[in-house]
Amino acid sequence: LEPLNCPEAVAGDSECLPLIEPRVALGPQARDFLGLDPDACEDELMLRSETARALISGCVGSLRRGGPLGPHPLSNVLLTVMDVDAEGGPAQLQSMPGSLRAAAAHVLGEALRDKNHGSKCAVLEPAMAVEVSVPGEHVGTVLSDLTGRRGTVE
């Protein structure tokens, strides 16, 4: 996984990046094993090859389900699949694309839950300071609501 550079981002402006859907690229070894065109873009591969579509959609699905910091979808990342291997070879994967999709999602999910990757991830969410005045009988309800939304009370 590597961060995607956002073309709209201003140099040095790391606080407010527009969100970009996660992207998946297939490396040369993965393309070679699957018998895919080494020069074709991933969008073209998804249209022409059910195997490529299964592999890429499994990875994208896993990235959208969340990363090491919880069930928050990942954004602004590029995942490159470096290599693919199967006991039955490419023919086995081509005969069961659903299995490839599930295996890719499972492997990526396990890798994302690995604590070694969590140090480079951050949850992007809005933060603001608010002052709340409520009648005494509603304080418990309001505090519960704020803390349930990851709010901190000072």
C-alpha atoms as a PDB file:
ATOM      1  CA  LEU A   1       0.000   0.000   0.000  1.00  0.00           C
ATOM      2  CA  GLU A   2       1.198   3.457  -0.744  1.00  0.00           C
ATOM      3  CA  PRO A   3      -0.487   6.845  -0.466  1.00  0.00           C
ATOM      4  CA  LEU A   4      -1.959   8.332  -3.614  1.00  0.00           C
ATOM      5  CA  ASN A   5      -0.896  11.836  -4.480  1.00  0.00           C
ATOM      6  CA  CYS A   6      -3.904  14.003  -5.034  1.00  0.00           C
ATOM      7  CA  PRO A   7      -3.609  16.272  -8.092  1.00  0.00           C
ATOM      8  CA  GLU A   8      -5.932  18.859  -6.508  1.00  0.00           C
ATOM      9  CA  ALA A   9      -3.918  19.088  -3.286  1.00  0.00           C
ATOM     10  CA  VAL A  10      -1.864  22.197  -2.778  1.00  0.00           C
ATOM     11  CA  ALA A  11       1.806  21.549  -2.057  1.00  0.00           C
ATOM     12  CA  GLY A  12       2.322  21.458   1.703  1.00  0.00           C
ATOM     13  CA  ASP A  13      -1.424  21.325   2.424  1.00  0.00           C
ATOM     14  CA  SER A  14      -1.625  17.957   4.185  1.00  0.00           C
ATOM     15  CA  GLU A  15      -4.550  18.829   6.435  1.00  0.00           C
ATOM     16  CA  CYS A  16      -7.337  18.859   3.867  1.00  0.00           C
ATOM     17  CA  LEU A  17      -6.972  16.345   1.049  1.00  0.00           C
ATOM     18  CA  PRO A  18      -9.956  15.426  -1.101  1.00  0.00           C
ATOM     19  CA  LEU A  19     -10.875  11.755  -0.675  1.00  0.00           C
ATOM     20  CA  ILE A  20     -10.001   9.458  -3.563  1.00  0.00           C
ATOM     21  CA  GLU A  21     -11.334   5.910  -3.927  1.00  0.00           C
ATOM     22  CA  PRO A  22      -8.719   3.215  -3.278  1.00  0.00           C
ATOM     23  CA  ARG A  23      -7.024   1.938  -6.430  1.00  0.00           C
ATOM     24  CA  VAL A  24      -5.537  -1.463  -7.215  1.00  0.00           C
ATOM     25  CA  ALA A  25      -2.721  -2.080  -9.689  1.00  0.00           C
ATOM     26  CA  LEU A  26      -1.379  -5.429 -10.882  1.00  0.00           C
ATOM     27  CA  GLY A  27       2.410  -5.752 -10.877  1.00  0.00           C
ATOM     28  CA  PRO A  28       4.404  -7.416 -13.665  1.00  0.00           C
ATOM     29  CA  GLN A  29       4.718 -10.808 -11.928  1.00  0.00           C
ATOM     30  CA  ALA A  30       0.985 -10.973 -11.195  1.00  0.00           C
ATOM     31  CA  ARG A  31       0.160 -10.039 -14.802  1.00  0.00           C
ATOM     32  CA  ASP A  32       2.602 -12.631 -16.127  1.00  0.00           C
ATOM     33  CA  PHE A  33       1.193 -15.431 -13.921  1.00  0.00           C
ATOM     34  CA  LEU A  34      -2.388 -14.602 -14.914  1.00  0.00           C
ATOM     35  CA  GLY A  35      -1.488 -14.234 -18.614  1.00  0.00           C
ATOM     36  CA  LEU A  36      -2.593 -10.595 -18.766  1.00  0.00           C
ATOM     37  CA  ASP A  37      -1.406  -7.891 -21.150  1.00  0.00           C
ATOM     38  CA  PRO A  38       1.579  -6.181 -19.490  1.00  0.00           C
ATOM     39  CA  ASP A  39       0.730  -2.807 -21.064  1.00  0.00           C
ATOM     40  CA  ALA A  40      -3.038  -2.669 -20.479  1.00  0.00           C
ATOM     41  CA  CYS A  41      -4.452  -0.405 -17.783  1.00  0.00           C
ATOM     42  CA  GLU A  42      -6.401  -1.955 -14.925  1.00  0.00           C
ATOM     43  CA  ASP A  43      -9.746  -0.618 -16.217  1.00  0.00           C
ATOM     44  CA  GLU A  44      -9.136  -2.371 -19.530  1.00  0.00           C
ATOM     45  CA  LEU A  45      -8.103  -5.595 -17.766  1.00  0.00           C
ATOM     46  CA  MET A  46     -11.308  -5.524 -15.708  1.00  0.00           C
ATOM     47  CA  LEU A  47     -13.346  -5.440 -18.938  1.00  0.00           C
ATOM     48  CA  ARG A  48     -11.364  -8.145 -20.752  1.00  0.00           C
ATOM     49  CA  SER A  49     -10.471 -10.642 -18.019  1.00  0.00           C
ATOM     50  CA  GLU A  50     -12.804 -12.176 -15.454  1.00  0.00           C
ATOM     51  CA  THR A  51      -9.761 -13.257 -13.437  1.00  0.00           C
ATOM     52  CA  ALA A  52      -8.385  -9.707 -13.266  1.00  0.00           C
ATOM     53  CA  ARG A  53     -11.863  -8.409 -12.396  1.00  0.00           C
ATOM     54  CA  ALA A  54     -12.158 -10.937  -9.547  1.00  0.00           C
ATOM     55  CA  LEU A  55      -8.710 -10.132  -8.140  1.00  0.00           C
ATOM     56  CA  ILE A  56      -9.129  -6.356  -8.336  1.00  0.00           C
ATOM     57  CA  SER A  57     -12.712  -6.327  -7.015  1.00  0.00           C
ATOM     58  CA  GLY A  58     -11.730  -8.552  -4.074  1.00  0.00           C
ATOM     59  CA  CYS A  59      -8.949  -6.144  -3.135  1.00  0.00           C
ATOM     60  CA  VAL A  60     -11.082  -3.021  -3.599  1.00  0.00           C
ATOM     61  CA  GLY A  61     -13.875  -4.575  -1.538  1.00  0.00           C
ATOM     62  CA  SER A  62     -11.484  -5.281   1.308  1.00  0.00           C
ATOM     63  CA  LEU A  63     -10.094  -1.727   1.176  1.00  0.00           C
ATOM     64  CA  ARG A  64     -13.624  -0.319   1.310  1.00  0.00           C
ATOM     65  CA  ARG A  65     -14.548  -2.472   4.318  1.00  0.00           C
ATOM     66  CA  GLY A  66     -11.859  -0.918   6.454  1.00  0.00           C
ATOM     67  CA  GLY A  67      -8.335  -0.985   7.645  1.00  0.00           C
ATOM     68  CA  PRO A  68      -6.267  -1.373  10.776  1.00  0.00           C
ATOM     69  CA  LEU A  69      -8.076   1.421  12.632  1.00  0.00           C
ATOM     70  CA  GLY A  70     -11.541  -0.087  12.464  1.00  0.00           C
ATOM     71  CA  PRO A  71     -14.385  -0.329   9.991  1.00  0.00           C
ATOM     72  CA  HIS A  72     -13.485   2.910   8.236  1.00  0.00           C
ATOM     73  CA  PRO A  73     -13.010   2.647   4.449  1.00  0.00           C
ATOM     74  CA  LEU A  74      -9.508   3.369   3.217  1.00  0.00           C
ATOM     75  CA  SER A  75      -9.038   6.193   0.752  1.00  0.00           C
ATOM     76  CA  ASN A  76      -6.151   7.863  -1.044  1.00  0.00           C
ATOM     77  CA  VAL A  77      -4.202   4.589  -1.312  1.00  0.00           C
ATOM     78  CA  LEU A  78      -2.818   2.543  -4.168  1.00  0.00           C
ATOM     79  CA  LEU A  79      -2.487  -1.204  -3.592  1.00  0.00           C
ATOM     80  CA  THR A  80      -0.133  -3.028  -5.950  1.00  0.00           C
ATOM     81  CA  VAL A  81      -0.577  -6.793  -6.216  1.00  0.00           C
ATOM     82  CA  MET A  82       2.995  -7.921  -6.695  1.00  0.00           C
ATOM     83  CA  ASP A  83       2.528 -11.661  -7.271  1.00  0.00           C
ATOM     84  CA  VAL A  84      -0.178 -14.301  -7.478  1.00  0.00           C
ATOM     85  CA  ASP A  85       0.241 -18.037  -7.030  1.00  0.00           C
ATOM     86  CA  ALA A  86      -2.123 -21.009  -7.082  1.00  0.00           C
ATOM     87  CA  GLU A  87      -1.591 -24.763  -6.825  1.00  0.00           C
ATOM     88  CA  GLY A  88      -3.545 -25.428 -10.010  1.00  0.00           C
ATOM     89  CA  GLY A  89      -1.984 -22.501 -11.866  1.00  0.00           C
ATOM     90  CA  PRO A  90      -3.894 -19.817 -13.746  1.00  0.00           C
ATOM     91  CA  ALA A  91      -6.400 -22.337 -15.121  1.00  0.00           C
ATOM     92  CA  GLN A  92      -7.567 -23.102 -11.581  1.00  0.00           C
ATOM     93  CA  LEU A  93      -8.108 -19.393 -10.860  1.00  0.00           C
ATOM     94  CA  GLN A  94      -9.911 -18.851 -14.172  1.00  0.00           C
ATOM     95  CA  SER A  95     -12.334 -21.678 -13.414  1.00  0.00           C
ATOM     96  CA  MET A  96     -13.283 -20.207 -10.010  1.00  0.00           C
ATOM     97  CA  PRO A  97     -13.111 -16.386 -10.069  1.00  0.00           C
ATOM     98  CA  GLY A  98     -15.340 -16.150  -6.985  1.00  0.00           C
ATOM     99  CA  SER A  99     -12.727 -18.052  -4.993  1.00  0.00           C
ATOM    100  CA  LEU A 100     -10.020 -15.685  -6.200  1.00  0.00           C
ATOM    101  CA  ARG A 101     -12.138 -12.680  -5.179  1.00  0.00           C
ATOM    102  CA  ALA A 102     -12.739 -14.136  -1.715  1.00  0.00           C
ATOM    103  CA  ALA A 103      -9.082 -15.156  -1.257  1.00  0.00           C
ATOM    104  CA  ALA A 104      -7.829 -11.704  -2.297  1.00  0.00           C
ATOM    105  CA  ALA A 105     -10.227  -9.993   0.106  1.00  0.00           C
ATOM    106  CA  HIS A 106      -9.267 -12.346   2.947  1.00  0.00           C
ATOM    107  CA  VAL A 107      -5.502 -12.004   2.462  1.00  0.00           C
ATOM    108  CA  LEU A 108      -5.685  -8.228   2.190  1.00  0.00           C
ATOM    109  CA  GLY A 109      -7.971  -8.002   5.226  1.00  0.00           C
ATOM    110  CA  GLU A 110      -5.492 -10.035   7.287  1.00  0.00           C
ATOM    111  CA  ALA A 111      -2.583  -7.891   6.089  1.00  0.00           C
ATOM    112  CA  LEU A 112      -4.453  -4.708   7.002  1.00  0.00           C
ATOM    113  CA  ARG A 113      -5.203  -6.009  10.492  1.00  0.00           C
ATOM    114  CA  ASP A 114      -1.490  -6.697  10.999  1.00  0.00           C
ATOM    115  CA  LYS A 115      -0.394  -4.148  13.621  1.00  0.00           C
ATOM    116  CA  ASN A 116       2.775  -3.300  11.640  1.00  0.00           C
ATOM    117  CA  HIS A 117       0.686  -1.435   9.057  1.00  0.00           C
ATOM    118  CA  GLY A 118      -1.480   0.516  11.533  1.00  0.00           C
ATOM    119  CA  SER A 119       1.178   3.079  12.371  1.00  0.00           C
ATOM    120  CA  LYS A 120       0.849   4.765   8.955  1.00  0.00           C
ATOM    121  CA  CYS A 121      -2.938   5.043   8.925  1.00  0.00           C
ATOM    122  CA  ALA A 122      -5.157   7.768  10.327  1.00  0.00           C
ATOM    123  CA  VAL A 123      -8.913   8.183  10.570  1.00  0.00           C
ATOM    124  CA  LEU A 124     -10.024  11.252   8.641  1.00  0.00           C
ATOM    125  CA  GLU A 125     -13.056  12.751  10.303  1.00  0.00           C
ATOM    126  CA  PRO A 126     -14.275  16.266  10.965  1.00  0.00           C
ATOM    127  CA  ALA A 127     -13.457  17.772  14.343  1.00  0.00           C
ATOM    128  CA  MET A 128     -14.916  20.877  15.925  1.00  0.00           C
ATOM    129  CA  ALA A 129     -15.250  22.550  19.283  1.00  0.00           C
ATOM    130  CA  VAL A 130     -18.793  23.183  20.485  1.00  0.00           C
ATOM    131  CA  GLU A 131     -20.332  24.587  23.617  1.00  0.00           C
ATOM    132  CA  VAL A 132     -23.529  22.860  24.708  1.00  0.00           C
ATOM    133  CA  SER A 133     -26.026  24.134  27.273  1.00  0.00           C
ATOM    134  CA  VAL A 134     -28.759  21.736  28.378  1.00  0.00           C
ATOM    135  CA  PRO A 135     -31.145  21.469  31.326  1.00  0.00           C
ATOM    136  CA  GLY A 136     -29.813  19.311  34.164  1.00  0.00           C
ATOM    137  CA  GLU A 137     -32.217  16.441  33.516  1.00  0.00           C
ATOM    138  CA  HIS A 138     -30.809  15.953  29.970  1.00  0.00           C
ATOM    139  CA  VAL A 139     -27.086  16.117  30.793  1.00  0.00           C
ATOM    140  CA  GLY A 140     -26.678  12.312  30.914  1.00  0.00           C
ATOM    141  CA  THR A 141     -28.397  11.812  27.565  1.00  0.00           C
ATOM    142  CA  VAL A 142     -26.344  14.527  25.858  1.00  0.00           C
ATOM    143  CA  LEU A 143     -23.047  13.264  27.336  1.00  0.00           C
ATOM    144  CA  SER A 144     -23.891   9.732  26.223  1.00  0.00           C
ATOM    145  CA  ASP A 145     -24.669  10.938  22.713  1.00  0.00           C
ATOM    146  CA  LEU A 146     -21.435  12.964  22.466  1.00  0.00           C
ATOM    147  CA  THR A 147     -19.191  10.173  23.741  1.00  0.00           C
ATOM    148  CA  GLY A 148     -20.954   7.689  21.460  1.00  0.00           C
ATOM    149  CA  ARG A 149     -19.879   9.875  18.548  1.00  0.00           C
ATOM    150  CA  ARG A 150     -16.227   9.832  19.666  1.00  0.00           C
ATOM    151  CA  GLY A 151     -16.591  13.253  21.317  1.00  0.00           C
ATOM    152  CA  THR A 152     -14.492  14.371  24.247  1.00  0.00           C
ATOM    153  CA  VAL A 153     -15.942  16.426  27.049  1.00  0.00           C
ATOM    154  CA  GLU A 154     -13.818  18.885  29.008  1.00  0.00           C
END
